[in-house]
Amino acid sequence: MLTVGQAAARLGLRVSAVHFYERRGLLPVVPRVGGQRRYSDEQGRVLLIKVALVAVVALFGLYNTKHVVPRLDDRAMDTTHQLRRTVLVEALLMLAVVLATAILVNAET
């Protein structure tokens, strides 16, 4: 069993980030033992997968912000195709997060 601090350290996160993701419903809420969250090995794997998925979506959004959005103002370029592609990829990533969450939640029960 891992404490939230141990789980966060393994993921390279701050404890506050794990708590934030829990409050937002992006991570499963785990039982408390002696007032501390305790992650089993399975819950630790779920935590790792979900954090990785959230990170991928966040990085893709950052890529869009830095590379795609600035090009939208460039009238000389045809950005319609690139914008459609990037929106499709972002939507598919979000769908992957939702599906992975559903699979992981069902696997826990």
N, C-alpha and C. Protein backbone atom coordinates (compact mmCIF):
# COMPACT_ATOMS: atom_id res chain seq x y z
N MET A 1 0.84 -1.19 0.00
CA MET A 1 0.00 0.00 0.00
C MET A 1 0.89 1.25 0.00
N LEU A 2 0.51 2.19 -0.83
CA LEU A 2 1.26 3.43 -0.95
C LEU A 2 0.45 4.58 -0.38
N THR A 3 1.14 5.50 0.29
CA THR A 3 0.48 6.74 0.70
C THR A 3 0.36 7.63 -0.53
N VAL A 4 -0.42 8.68 -0.43
CA VAL A 4 -0.56 9.59 -1.55
C VAL A 4 0.78 10.24 -1.87
N GLY A 5 1.59 10.50 -0.87
CA GLY A 5 2.91 11.08 -1.10
C GLY A 5 3.82 10.13 -1.87
N GLN A 6 3.79 8.85 -1.52
CA GLN A 6 4.60 7.86 -2.22
C GLN A 6 4.12 7.70 -3.66
N ALA A 7 2.80 7.65 -3.84
CA ALA A 7 2.25 7.51 -5.19
C ALA A 7 2.60 8.73 -6.04
N ALA A 8 2.47 9.93 -5.45
CA ALA A 8 2.79 11.15 -6.18
C ALA A 8 4.27 11.18 -6.57
N ALA A 9 5.13 10.77 -5.65
CA ALA A 9 6.57 10.76 -5.93
C ALA A 9 6.90 9.81 -7.08
N ARG A 10 6.27 8.66 -7.11
CA ARG A 10 6.51 7.71 -8.20
C ARG A 10 6.08 8.25 -9.55
N LEU A 11 5.05 9.13 -9.52
CA LEU A 11 4.55 9.70 -10.76
C LEU A 11 5.22 11.02 -11.11
N GLY A 12 6.06 11.51 -10.22
CA GLY A 12 6.71 12.80 -10.46
C GLY A 12 5.78 13.98 -10.29
N LEU A 13 4.78 13.81 -9.42
CA LEU A 13 3.79 14.85 -9.18
C LEU A 13 3.89 15.36 -7.75
N ARG A 14 3.28 16.50 -7.52
CA ARG A 14 3.10 16.97 -6.16
C ARG A 14 1.85 16.32 -5.59
N VAL A 15 1.80 16.19 -4.29
CA VAL A 15 0.62 15.63 -3.64
C VAL A 15 -0.61 16.49 -3.96
N SER A 16 -0.43 17.79 -4.00
CA SER A 16 -1.55 18.69 -4.30
C SER A 16 -2.12 18.41 -5.70
N ALA A 17 -1.28 17.99 -6.64
CA ALA A 17 -1.77 17.66 -7.99
C ALA A 17 -2.66 16.42 -7.95
N VAL A 18 -2.25 15.42 -7.17
CA VAL A 18 -3.08 14.21 -7.03
C VAL A 18 -4.41 14.57 -6.40
N HIS A 19 -4.38 15.39 -5.35
CA HIS A 19 -5.63 15.82 -4.71
C HIS A 19 -6.51 16.60 -5.69
N PHE A 20 -5.89 17.47 -6.49
CA PHE A 20 -6.63 18.26 -7.49
C PHE A 20 -7.32 17.33 -8.48
N TYR A 21 -6.59 16.35 -9.01
CA TYR A 21 -7.17 15.42 -9.97
C TYR A 21 -8.29 14.59 -9.34
N GLU A 22 -8.15 14.25 -8.07
CA GLU A 22 -9.22 13.52 -7.39
C GLU A 22 -10.48 14.38 -7.28
N ARG A 23 -10.30 15.64 -6.87
CA ARG A 23 -11.46 16.54 -6.72
C ARG A 23 -12.19 16.74 -8.04
N ARG A 24 -11.44 16.75 -9.12
CA ARG A 24 -12.04 16.95 -10.45
C ARG A 24 -12.65 15.65 -11.01
N GLY A 25 -12.47 14.56 -10.30
CA GLY A 25 -13.03 13.29 -10.76
C GLY A 25 -12.17 12.59 -11.80
N LEU A 26 -10.94 13.07 -12.01
CA LEU A 26 -10.07 12.47 -13.00
C LEU A 26 -9.33 11.26 -12.45
N LEU A 27 -9.25 11.17 -11.14
CA LEU A 27 -8.60 10.03 -10.49
C LEU A 27 -9.57 9.41 -9.50
N PRO A 28 -9.44 8.12 -9.28
CA PRO A 28 -10.34 7.47 -8.33
C PRO A 28 -10.03 7.92 -6.90
N VAL A 29 -11.09 8.06 -6.12
CA VAL A 29 -10.92 8.36 -4.70
C VAL A 29 -10.64 7.03 -4.01
N VAL A 30 -9.58 6.99 -3.23
CA VAL A 30 -9.19 5.75 -2.58
C VAL A 30 -9.53 5.80 -1.09
N PRO A 31 -9.66 4.62 -0.49
CA PRO A 31 -10.00 4.59 0.94
C PRO A 31 -8.87 5.17 1.79
N ARG A 32 -9.27 5.64 2.94
CA ARG A 32 -8.30 6.19 3.90
C ARG A 32 -8.05 5.18 5.00
N VAL A 33 -6.81 5.11 5.41
CA VAL A 33 -6.41 4.27 6.53
C VAL A 33 -5.69 5.19 7.51
N GLY A 34 -6.25 5.34 8.69
CA GLY A 34 -5.64 6.24 9.67
C GLY A 34 -5.61 7.68 9.18
N GLY A 35 -6.60 8.07 8.38
CA GLY A 35 -6.67 9.44 7.88
C GLY A 35 -5.85 9.70 6.63
N GLN A 36 -5.12 8.70 6.14
CA GLN A 36 -4.31 8.87 4.93
C GLN A 36 -4.84 8.01 3.80
N ARG A 37 -4.77 8.56 2.58
CA ARG A 37 -5.13 7.76 1.42
C ARG A 37 -4.11 6.64 1.27
N ARG A 38 -4.61 5.45 0.96
CA ARG A 38 -3.71 4.30 0.74
C ARG A 38 -4.05 3.68 -0.60
N TYR A 39 -3.07 3.67 -1.48
CA TYR A 39 -3.25 3.11 -2.82
C TYR A 39 -2.71 1.69 -2.86
N SER A 40 -3.57 0.77 -3.31
CA SER A 40 -3.11 -0.60 -3.54
C SER A 40 -2.30 -0.61 -4.83
N ASP A 41 -1.68 -1.72 -5.13
CA ASP A 41 -0.92 -1.83 -6.39
C ASP A 41 -1.82 -1.56 -7.58
N GLU A 42 -3.03 -2.12 -7.56
CA GLU A 42 -3.97 -1.91 -8.68
C GLU A 42 -4.37 -0.45 -8.78
N GLN A 43 -4.68 0.17 -7.66
CA GLN A 43 -5.04 1.59 -7.69
C GLN A 43 -3.86 2.44 -8.14
N GLY A 44 -2.65 2.02 -7.79
CA GLY A 44 -1.46 2.73 -8.25
C GLY A 44 -1.31 2.66 -9.76
N ARG A 45 -1.61 1.50 -10.34
CA ARG A 45 -1.57 1.36 -11.80
C ARG A 45 -2.63 2.23 -12.46
N VAL A 46 -3.83 2.24 -11.88
CA VAL A 46 -4.91 3.09 -12.40
C VAL A 46 -4.48 4.55 -12.35
N LEU A 47 -3.91 4.95 -11.23
CA LEU A 47 -3.44 6.32 -11.06
C LEU A 47 -2.41 6.66 -12.12
N LEU A 48 -1.46 5.79 -12.34
CA LEU A 48 -0.41 6.02 -13.33
C LEU A 48 -0.99 6.17 -14.74
N ILE A 49 -1.89 5.27 -15.11
CA ILE A 49 -2.49 5.33 -16.46
C ILE A 49 -3.28 6.61 -16.64
N LYS A 50 -4.08 6.96 -15.64
CA LYS A 50 -4.92 8.15 -15.78
C LYS A 50 -4.08 9.42 -15.82
N VAL A 51 -3.05 9.49 -15.00
CA VAL A 51 -2.18 10.67 -15.04
C VAL A 51 -1.49 10.76 -16.39
N ALA A 52 -1.05 9.64 -16.93
CA ALA A 52 -0.41 9.64 -18.24
C ALA A 52 -1.38 10.11 -19.32
N LEU A 53 -2.62 9.66 -19.27
CA LEU A 53 -3.62 10.09 -20.26
C LEU A 53 -3.91 11.58 -20.15
N VAL A 54 -4.06 12.06 -18.94
CA VAL A 54 -4.31 13.49 -18.73
C VAL A 54 -3.11 14.30 -19.23
N ALA A 55 -1.90 13.81 -18.98
CA ALA A 55 -0.70 14.52 -19.44
C ALA A 55 -0.65 14.58 -20.96
N VAL A 56 -1.02 13.50 -21.64
CA VAL A 56 -1.02 13.49 -23.10
C VAL A 56 -1.99 14.53 -23.64
N VAL A 57 -3.18 14.58 -23.08
CA VAL A 57 -4.17 15.56 -23.53
C VAL A 57 -3.68 16.98 -23.26
N ALA A 58 -3.10 17.20 -22.09
CA ALA A 58 -2.59 18.53 -21.75
C ALA A 58 -1.46 18.95 -22.68
N LEU A 59 -0.56 18.03 -22.99
CA LEU A 59 0.55 18.35 -23.89
C LEU A 59 0.05 18.63 -25.31
N PHE A 60 -0.96 17.89 -25.73
CA PHE A 60 -1.51 18.15 -27.05
C PHE A 60 -2.16 19.52 -27.10
N GLY A 61 -2.87 19.88 -26.03
CA GLY A 61 -3.46 21.21 -25.96
C GLY A 61 -2.40 22.30 -25.99
N LEU A 62 -1.29 22.07 -25.29
CA LEU A 62 -0.18 23.03 -25.31
C LEU A 62 0.41 23.15 -26.71
N TYR A 63 0.57 22.01 -27.38
CA TYR A 63 1.07 22.03 -28.77
C TYR A 63 0.14 22.88 -29.64
N ASN A 64 -1.17 22.65 -29.52
CA ASN A 64 -2.12 23.42 -30.31
C ASN A 64 -2.00 24.90 -30.03
N THR A 65 -1.86 25.26 -28.76
CA THR A 65 -1.78 26.66 -28.38
C THR A 65 -0.53 27.32 -28.96
N LYS A 66 0.58 26.59 -28.97
CA LYS A 66 1.84 27.18 -29.44
C LYS A 66 2.00 27.13 -30.96
N HIS A 67 1.45 26.09 -31.61
CA HIS A 67 1.75 25.90 -33.02
C HIS A 67 0.56 26.08 -33.97
N VAL A 68 -0.61 25.66 -33.56
CA VAL A 68 -1.76 25.70 -34.47
C VAL A 68 -2.49 27.03 -34.38
N VAL A 69 -2.82 27.45 -33.17
CA VAL A 69 -3.61 28.67 -33.00
C VAL A 69 -2.93 29.90 -33.61
N PRO A 70 -1.62 30.10 -33.43
CA PRO A 70 -1.01 31.28 -34.06
C PRO A 70 -1.13 31.29 -35.59
N ARG A 71 -1.18 30.12 -36.20
CA ARG A 71 -1.28 30.04 -37.66
C ARG A 71 -2.69 30.38 -38.16
N LEU A 72 -3.66 30.36 -37.29
CA LEU A 72 -5.03 30.64 -37.72
C LEU A 72 -5.17 32.08 -38.23
N ASP A 73 -4.34 32.97 -37.74
CA ASP A 73 -4.40 34.37 -38.17
C ASP A 73 -3.64 34.61 -39.47
N ASP A 74 -2.87 33.63 -39.92
CA ASP A 74 -2.08 33.78 -41.14
C ASP A 74 -2.99 33.54 -42.34
N ARG A 75 -3.38 34.60 -43.00
CA ARG A 75 -4.31 34.51 -44.12
C ARG A 75 -3.69 33.84 -45.34
N ALA A 76 -2.36 33.83 -45.41
CA ALA A 76 -1.70 33.25 -46.58
C ALA A 76 -1.70 31.73 -46.55
N MET A 77 -1.88 31.15 -45.37
CA MET A 77 -1.83 29.68 -45.25
C MET A 77 -3.25 29.11 -45.20
N ASP A 78 -3.40 27.93 -45.77
CA ASP A 78 -4.66 27.21 -45.65
C ASP A 78 -4.58 26.35 -44.39
N THR A 79 -5.12 26.84 -43.31
CA THR A 79 -5.01 26.15 -42.03
C THR A 79 -6.22 25.29 -41.73
N THR A 80 -7.20 25.29 -42.61
CA THR A 80 -8.43 24.54 -42.35
C THR A 80 -8.14 23.05 -42.16
N HIS A 81 -7.34 22.47 -43.04
CA HIS A 81 -7.02 21.04 -42.93
C HIS A 81 -6.28 20.74 -41.63
N GLN A 82 -5.28 21.56 -41.32
CA GLN A 82 -4.52 21.33 -40.10
C GLN A 82 -5.41 21.50 -38.86
N LEU A 83 -6.28 22.49 -38.87
CA LEU A 83 -7.16 22.71 -37.74
C LEU A 83 -8.13 21.53 -37.57
N ARG A 84 -8.69 21.05 -38.66
CA ARG A 84 -9.59 19.89 -38.58
C ARG A 84 -8.86 18.68 -38.01
N ARG A 85 -7.64 18.44 -38.50
CA ARG A 85 -6.86 17.30 -38.03
C ARG A 85 -6.55 17.42 -36.54
N THR A 86 -6.14 18.58 -36.11
CA THR A 86 -5.76 18.74 -34.71
C THR A 86 -6.97 18.65 -33.78
N VAL A 87 -8.11 19.16 -34.23
CA VAL A 87 -9.33 19.05 -33.43
C VAL A 87 -9.76 17.59 -33.35
N LEU A 88 -9.65 16.85 -34.45
CA LEU A 88 -9.99 15.44 -34.45
C LEU A 88 -9.09 14.65 -33.51
N VAL A 89 -7.79 14.90 -33.56
CA VAL A 89 -6.86 14.20 -32.67
C VAL A 89 -7.16 14.53 -31.22
N GLU A 90 -7.42 15.79 -30.92
CA GLU A 90 -7.73 16.18 -29.54
C GLU A 90 -9.03 15.50 -29.07
N ALA A 91 -10.02 15.44 -29.93
CA ALA A 91 -11.27 14.77 -29.57
C ALA A 91 -11.05 13.28 -29.33
N LEU A 92 -10.23 12.65 -30.17
CA LEU A 92 -9.93 11.23 -29.98
C LEU A 92 -9.17 10.98 -28.68
N LEU A 93 -8.26 11.89 -28.34
CA LEU A 93 -7.54 11.76 -27.08
C LEU A 93 -8.50 11.87 -25.89
N MET A 94 -9.42 12.80 -25.96
CA MET A 94 -10.40 12.95 -24.87
C MET A 94 -11.28 11.70 -24.79
N LEU A 95 -11.67 11.16 -25.93
CA LEU A 95 -12.45 9.93 -25.94
C LEU A 95 -11.65 8.79 -25.32
N ALA A 96 -10.36 8.73 -25.60
CA ALA A 96 -9.51 7.69 -25.01
C ALA A 96 -9.47 7.82 -23.49
N VAL A 97 -9.42 9.05 -22.99
CA VAL A 97 -9.42 9.27 -21.55
C VAL A 97 -10.73 8.79 -20.94
N VAL A 98 -11.84 9.12 -21.59
CA VAL A 98 -13.15 8.71 -21.08
C VAL A 98 -13.28 7.19 -21.11
N LEU A 99 -12.90 6.57 -22.21
CA LEU A 99 -12.99 5.10 -22.32
C LEU A 99 -12.07 4.40 -21.32
N ALA A 100 -10.85 4.90 -21.19
CA ALA A 100 -9.92 4.30 -20.22
C ALA A 100 -10.45 4.43 -18.81
N THR A 101 -11.05 5.57 -18.51
CA THR A 101 -11.65 5.77 -17.18
C THR A 101 -12.76 4.77 -16.95
N ALA A 102 -13.64 4.60 -17.93
CA ALA A 102 -14.74 3.65 -17.78
C ALA A 102 -14.23 2.23 -17.59
N ILE A 103 -13.23 1.87 -18.37
CA ILE A 103 -12.67 0.51 -18.25
C ILE A 103 -12.02 0.32 -16.88
N LEU A 104 -11.25 1.30 -16.47
CA LEU A 104 -10.56 1.19 -15.17
C LEU A 104 -11.53 1.18 -14.00
N VAL A 105 -12.57 1.99 -14.09
CA VAL A 105 -13.57 2.02 -13.01
C VAL A 105 -14.29 0.68 -12.94
N ASN A 106 -14.67 0.13 -14.08
CA ASN A 106 -15.35 -1.16 -14.10
C ASN A 106 -14.43 -2.28 -13.63
N ALA A 107 -13.13 -2.18 -13.90
CA ALA A 107 -12.19 -3.20 -13.48
C ALA A 107 -12.01 -3.19 -11.97
N GLU A 108 -12.20 -2.03 -11.34
CA GLU A 108 -12.04 -1.91 -9.90
C GLU A 108 -13.22 -2.51 -9.14
N THR A 109 -14.38 -2.52 -9.78
CA THR A 109 -15.59 -2.99 -9.07
C THR A 109 -15.78 -4.47 -9.24
